[in-house]
Every structure is written in C-alpha cells, then in structure tokens.
C-alpha atoms as a PDB file:
ATOM      1  CA  MET A   1     -27.552  91.598 -37.452  1.00  0.00           C
ATOM      2  CA  SER A   2     -28.821  92.493 -40.909  1.00  0.00           C
ATOM      3  CA  PHE A   3     -31.481  90.520 -42.728  1.00  0.00           C
ATOM      4  CA  SER A   4     -29.053  89.241 -45.380  1.00  0.00           C
ATOM      5  CA  LYS A   5     -26.568  87.990 -42.750  1.00  0.00           C
ATOM      6  CA  THR A   6     -29.374  86.233 -40.847  1.00  0.00           C
ATOM      7  CA  ALA A   7     -30.671  84.640 -44.037  1.00  0.00           C
ATOM      8  CA  ARG A   8     -27.189  83.392 -44.968  1.00  0.00           C
ATOM      9  CA  LEU A   9     -26.685  81.989 -41.469  1.00  0.00           C
ATOM     10  CA  LEU A  10     -30.002  80.126 -41.564  1.00  0.00           C
ATOM     11  CA  ALA A  11     -29.323  78.787 -45.066  1.00  0.00           C
ATOM     12  CA  THR A  12     -25.886  77.516 -44.018  1.00  0.00           C
ATOM     13  CA  ARG A  13     -27.268  75.818 -40.903  1.00  0.00           C
ATOM     14  CA  GLY A  14     -30.100  74.249 -42.908  1.00  0.00           C
ATOM     15  CA  ALA A  15     -27.680  72.882 -45.512  1.00  0.00           C
ATOM     16  CA  ARG A  16     -25.510  71.360 -42.761  1.00  0.00           C
ATOM     17  CA  MET A  17     -28.553  69.730 -41.149  1.00  0.00           C
ATOM     18  CA  VAL A  18     -29.623  68.129 -44.432  1.00  0.00           C
ATOM     19  CA  GLN A  19     -26.084  66.898 -45.119  1.00  0.00           C
ATOM     20  CA  SER A  20     -25.834  65.355 -41.635  1.00  0.00           C
ATOM     21  CA  ARG A  21     -28.999  63.260 -41.972  1.00  0.00           C
ATOM     22  CA  SER A  22     -28.369  59.547 -42.341  1.00  0.00           C
ATOM     23  CA  TYR A  23     -30.553  58.868 -45.395  1.00  0.00           C
ATOM     24  CA  SER A  24     -30.253  55.377 -46.791  1.00  0.00           C
ATOM     25  CA  ASP A  25     -30.566  54.149 -50.362  1.00  0.00           C
ATOM     26  CA  GLU A  26     -32.636  51.236 -49.047  1.00  0.00           C
ATOM     27  CA  MET A  27     -36.025  51.410 -47.409  1.00  0.00           C
ATOM     28  CA  LYS A  28     -36.818  48.926 -44.652  1.00  0.00           C
ATOM     29  CA  LEU A  29     -40.487  48.274 -43.986  1.00  0.00           C
ATOM     30  CA  THR A  30     -42.043  46.956 -40.812  1.00  0.00           C
ATOM     31  CA  PHE A  31     -45.762  46.398 -41.355  1.00  0.00           C
ATOM     32  CA  ALA A  32     -47.834  44.796 -38.623  1.00  0.00           C
ATOM     33  CA  ALA A  33     -51.365  44.523 -37.324  1.00  0.00           C
ATOM     34  CA  ALA A  34     -52.852  42.849 -34.289  1.00  0.00           C
ATOM     35  CA  ASN A  35     -53.576  39.757 -36.382  1.00  0.00           C
ATOM     36  CA  LYS A  36     -50.227  39.390 -38.213  1.00  0.00           C
ATOM     37  CA  THR A  37     -46.791  40.798 -39.000  1.00  0.00           C
ATOM     38  CA  PHE A  38     -46.518  41.179 -42.777  1.00  0.00           C
ATOM     39  CA  TYR A  39     -43.002  42.660 -43.068  1.00  0.00           C
ATOM     40  CA  ASP A  40     -40.253  42.863 -40.441  1.00  0.00           C
ATOM     41  CA  ALA A  41     -37.521  45.301 -41.528  1.00  0.00           C
ATOM     42  CA  ALA A  42     -37.822  43.976 -45.100  1.00  0.00           C
ATOM     43  CA  VAL A  43     -36.168  45.971 -47.865  1.00  0.00           C
ATOM     44  CA  VAL A  44     -38.842  47.181 -50.305  1.00  0.00           C
ATOM     45  CA  ARG A  45     -38.926  49.574 -53.254  1.00  0.00           C
ATOM     46  CA  GLN A  46     -42.085  51.622 -52.556  1.00  0.00           C
ATOM     47  CA  ILE A  47     -45.072  51.885 -50.204  1.00  0.00           C
ATOM     48  CA  ASP A  48     -48.355  53.683 -50.965  1.00  0.00           C
ATOM     49  CA  VAL A  49     -50.604  54.511 -48.001  1.00  0.00           C
ATOM     50  CA  PRO A  50     -54.081  56.050 -47.556  1.00  0.00           C
ATOM     51  CA  SER A  51     -53.942  58.844 -44.971  1.00  0.00           C
ATOM     52  CA  PHE A  52     -56.547  61.319 -43.786  1.00  0.00           C
ATOM     53  CA  SER A  53     -54.500  64.111 -45.376  1.00  0.00           C
ATOM     54  CA  GLY A  54     -54.425  62.236 -48.703  1.00  0.00           C
ATOM     55  CA  SER A  55     -52.824  59.123 -50.124  1.00  0.00           C
ATOM     56  CA  PHE A  56     -49.080  59.270 -50.687  1.00  0.00           C
ATOM     57  CA  GLY A  57     -46.173  57.154 -51.869  1.00  0.00           C
ATOM     58  CA  ILE A  58     -42.984  56.523 -49.925  1.00  0.00           C
ATOM     59  CA  LEU A  59     -39.579  55.836 -51.454  1.00  0.00           C
ATOM     60  CA  ALA A  60     -36.115  55.604 -49.892  1.00  0.00           C
ATOM     61  CA  LYS A  61     -34.886  59.001 -48.684  1.00  0.00           C
ATOM     62  CA  HIS A  62     -38.469  60.213 -48.094  1.00  0.00           C
ATOM     63  CA  VAL A  63     -38.751  63.143 -45.733  1.00  0.00           C
ATOM     64  CA  PRO A  64     -39.519  61.991 -42.155  1.00  0.00           C
ATOM     65  CA  THR A  65     -43.285  61.836 -41.734  1.00  0.00           C
ATOM     66  CA  LEU A  66     -45.954  60.738 -39.293  1.00  0.00           C
ATOM     67  CA  ALA A  67     -49.527  60.217 -40.537  1.00  0.00           C
ATOM     68  CA  VAL A  68     -52.802  58.666 -39.434  1.00  0.00           C
ATOM     69  CA  LEU A  69     -54.102  56.086 -41.882  1.00  0.00           C
ATOM     70  CA  LYS A  70     -57.715  55.822 -42.976  1.00  0.00           C
ATOM     71  CA  PRO A  71     -59.499  52.678 -44.157  1.00  0.00           C
ATOM     72  CA  GLY A  72     -58.132  51.677 -47.539  1.00  0.00           C
ATOM     73  CA  VAL A  73     -55.394  49.860 -49.405  1.00  0.00           C
ATOM     74  CA  VAL A  74     -51.694  49.882 -48.569  1.00  0.00           C
ATOM     75  CA  GLN A  75     -49.633  48.909 -51.613  1.00  0.00           C
ATOM     76  CA  VAL A  76     -46.124  47.520 -51.242  1.00  0.00           C
ATOM     77  CA  VAL A  77     -43.788  47.230 -54.222  1.00  0.00           C
ATOM     78  CA  GLU A  78     -41.197  44.661 -53.252  1.00  0.00           C
ATOM     79  CA  ASN A  79     -37.605  44.842 -54.513  1.00  0.00           C
ATOM     80  CA  ASP A  80     -38.344  42.341 -57.276  1.00  0.00           C
ATOM     81  CA  GLY A  81     -41.167  44.610 -58.545  1.00  0.00           C
ATOM     82  CA  LYS A  82     -44.001  42.439 -57.192  1.00  0.00           C
ATOM     83  CA  LEU A  83     -46.993  44.519 -56.039  1.00  0.00           C
ATOM     84  CA  ILE A  84     -48.796  43.324 -52.894  1.00  0.00           C
ATOM     85  CA  LYS A  85     -52.011  45.006 -51.701  1.00  0.00           C
ATOM     86  CA  PHE A  86     -53.353  45.002 -48.156  1.00  0.00           C
ATOM     87  CA  PHE A  87     -56.614  46.328 -46.790  1.00  0.00           C
ATOM     88  CA  ILE A  88     -56.260  48.229 -43.505  1.00  0.00           C
ATOM     89  CA  SER A  89     -59.054  49.447 -41.259  1.00  0.00           C
ATOM     90  CA  SER A  90     -56.977  52.249 -39.679  1.00  0.00           C
ATOM     91  CA  GLY A  91     -53.524  52.830 -38.269  1.00  0.00           C
ATOM     92  CA  SER A  92     -50.433  54.992 -38.508  1.00  0.00           C
ATOM     93  CA  VAL A  93     -47.336  55.308 -40.656  1.00  0.00           C
ATOM     94  CA  THR A  94     -43.958  56.594 -39.508  1.00  0.00           C
ATOM     95  CA  VAL A  95     -41.181  57.413 -41.969  1.00  0.00           C
ATOM     96  CA  ASN A  96     -37.790  57.895 -40.286  1.00  0.00           C
ATOM     97  CA  ASP A  97     -34.741  59.758 -41.548  1.00  0.00           C
ATOM     98  CA  ASP A  98     -32.837  56.457 -41.950  1.00  0.00           C
ATOM     99  CA  SER A  99     -35.429  55.381 -44.583  1.00  0.00           C
ATOM    100  CA  SER A 100     -37.075  52.902 -42.243  1.00  0.00           C
ATOM    101  CA  VAL A 101     -40.876  52.854 -42.335  1.00  0.00           C
ATOM    102  CA  GLN A 102     -43.333  51.470 -39.812  1.00  0.00           C
ATOM    103  CA  VAL A 103     -46.950  50.834 -40.772  1.00  0.00           C
ATOM    104  CA  LEU A 104     -49.038  49.833 -37.769  1.00  0.00           C
ATOM    105  CA  ALA A 105     -52.612  48.864 -38.560  1.00  0.00           C
ATOM    106  CA  GLU A 106     -55.557  48.174 -36.306  1.00  0.00           C
ATOM    107  CA  GLU A 107     -56.481  45.352 -38.686  1.00  0.00           C
ATOM    108  CA  ALA A 108     -54.942  44.326 -42.010  1.00  0.00           C
ATOM    109  CA  HIS A 109     -55.572  41.603 -44.590  1.00  0.00           C
ATOM    110  CA  ASN A 110     -54.188  40.733 -47.988  1.00  0.00           C
ATOM    111  CA  VAL A 111     -56.660  42.057 -50.583  1.00  0.00           C
ATOM    112  CA  GLU A 112     -56.598  38.670 -52.344  1.00  0.00           C
ATOM    113  CA  ASP A 113     -58.148  37.096 -49.210  1.00  0.00           C
ATOM    114  CA  ILE A 114     -61.221  39.370 -49.177  1.00  0.00           C
ATOM    115  CA  ASP A 115     -64.523  37.815 -50.240  1.00  0.00           C
ATOM    116  CA  ILE A 116     -66.383  40.550 -52.157  1.00  0.00           C
ATOM    117  CA  ASN A 117     -69.806  39.069 -51.358  1.00  0.00           C
ATOM    118  CA  GLU A 118     -69.065  38.992 -47.629  1.00  0.00           C
ATOM    119  CA  ALA A 119     -67.792  42.568 -47.813  1.00  0.00           C
ATOM    120  CA  ARG A 120     -71.020  43.688 -49.514  1.00  0.00           C
ATOM    121  CA  GLN A 121     -73.095  41.877 -46.881  1.00  0.00           C
ATOM    122  CA  LEU A 122     -71.166  43.678 -44.129  1.00  0.00           C
ATOM    123  CA  LEU A 123     -71.761  47.015 -45.827  1.00  0.00           C
ATOM    124  CA  THR A 124     -75.509  46.347 -46.065  1.00  0.00           C
ATOM    125  CA  LYS A 125     -75.615  45.276 -42.416  1.00  0.00           C
ATOM    126  CA  TYR A 126     -73.791  48.395 -41.191  1.00  0.00           C
ATOM    127  CA  GLN A 127     -75.868  50.706 -43.387  1.00  0.00           C
ATOM    128  CA  SER A 128     -78.975  49.198 -41.814  1.00  0.00           C
ATOM    129  CA  GLN A 129     -77.515  49.722 -38.322  1.00  0.00           C
ATOM    130  CA  LEU A 130     -76.738  53.338 -39.196  1.00  0.00           C
ATOM    131  CA  SER A 131     -80.268  54.065 -40.388  1.00  0.00           C
ATOM    132  CA  SER A 132     -81.809  52.489 -37.277  1.00  0.00           C
ATOM    133  CA  ALA A 133     -79.328  53.853 -34.707  1.00  0.00           C
ATOM    134  CA  GLY A 134     -81.148  55.397 -31.757  1.00  0.00           C
ATOM    135  CA  ASP A 135     -78.583  57.618 -30.084  1.00  0.00           C
ATOM    136  CA  GLU A 136     -75.524  59.632 -31.133  1.00  0.00           C
ATOM    137  CA  LYS A 137     -73.036  57.017 -29.917  1.00  0.00           C
ATOM    138  CA  ALA A 138     -74.729  54.243 -31.910  1.00  0.00           C
ATOM    139  CA  LYS A 139     -74.843  56.508 -34.990  1.00  0.00           C
ATOM    140  CA  ALA A 140     -71.139  57.344 -34.684  1.00  0.00           C
ATOM    141  CA  GLU A 141     -70.148  53.690 -34.265  1.00  0.00           C
ATOM    142  CA  ALA A 142     -72.307  52.647 -37.215  1.00  0.00           C
ATOM    143  CA  ALA A 143     -70.924  55.481 -39.388  1.00  0.00           C
ATOM    144  CA  ILE A 144     -67.364  54.293 -38.706  1.00  0.00           C
ATOM    145  CA  ALA A 145     -68.362  50.711 -39.533  1.00  0.00           C
ATOM    146  CA  VAL A 146     -69.967  51.882 -42.804  1.00  0.00           C
ATOM    147  CA  GLU A 147     -66.809  53.824 -43.744  1.00  0.00           C
ATOM    148  CA  VAL A 148     -64.623  50.760 -43.154  1.00  0.00           C
ATOM    149  CA  ALA A 149     -67.046  48.448 -45.000  1.00  0.00           C
ATOM    150  CA  GLU A 150     -67.196  50.828 -47.998  1.00  0.00           C
ATOM    151  CA  ALA A 151     -63.395  50.846 -48.167  1.00  0.00           C
ATOM    152  CA  LEU A 152     -63.375  47.050 -47.836  1.00  0.00           C
ATOM    153  CA  VAL A 153     -65.772  46.650 -50.779  1.00  0.00           C
ATOM    154  CA  LYS A 154     -63.757  49.106 -52.864  1.00  0.00           C
ATOM    155  CA  ALA A 155     -60.531  47.229 -52.067  1.00  0.00           C
ATOM    156  CA  ALA A 156     -62.063  43.884 -53.048  1.00  0.00           C
ATOM    157  CA  GLU A 157     -63.441  45.125 -56.399  1.00  0.00           C
END
C-alpha cells in the first residue's frame, strides 16, 4: 500500500473516531477528598487544576486526560459564574470523553477557611524540621511537608 493511501486511511479512521465520541456540552464535576465531598456530578462551567506537568483549565468537551495534582489551588467556576477556590494537598484529576471530571484529593479545604497565620506557623515548623532532619527519610518527609505548607500559605494570601 502506498504512503498516500495509508495516510488517507488513517485520516478517515481518525475522523470517524472523533465523530463517534460522546462529548457533552455540559461538564459534570465530582470533587472529593477524605474529609468531604464538595461536588457530586454537579454541572459546572470550568475547572482549573495544578498538576505536576503544569496548571491547566478544563471546559466541556476537553480531551480525555489523567493527571497527578500537586499542592495548590483548584478553582471551580460554577454555572452561575461564581468562582470557588479550594486548597488541595495532592491528588488526581480524570477527564472523561463524556465531559465528566473527577478530582480526587488527599486533603482539600475551601481557601476561605484557611487561617493565614496558622499556615505560616506550619511552614516555619516544617522548615525547622527539614533543617534538623537526621536521615534521608526524615528529610524527604519534611521536604514534602514544606512544599505543602508553602502552597497553603500562597493559597491563603
């Protein structure tokens, strides 16, 4: 088979695959952590997430994606335009081809509920633990705690 025939065949198959996907004009968000379920298949306009490969926004008809989330702020724009911000310590996001999105966080809290002074105290505490850590395991654990505390302070500011 010639190159041009193979290319046409692949292009035709690809176009059929895209047309057969069941993309929705609505995006349903399920967002939960061990401490609380924030959204359960709620229709929202947009979600912004912090991932290790970079922060990105999600709208209806987004390409299916799976990403690991880093400490930071998840922003949800509800259908009425209201912006809600949540701090997450870590987690994952799954975007499905039916425009449903699942955000699963290790820990999550509404940014409005964060006490900036407490967050700064935590950061100081973990920085102290990092500088006095005796072995590699203690250093690694303290470094993770510092990263989360830095993101917590940034979210609260």
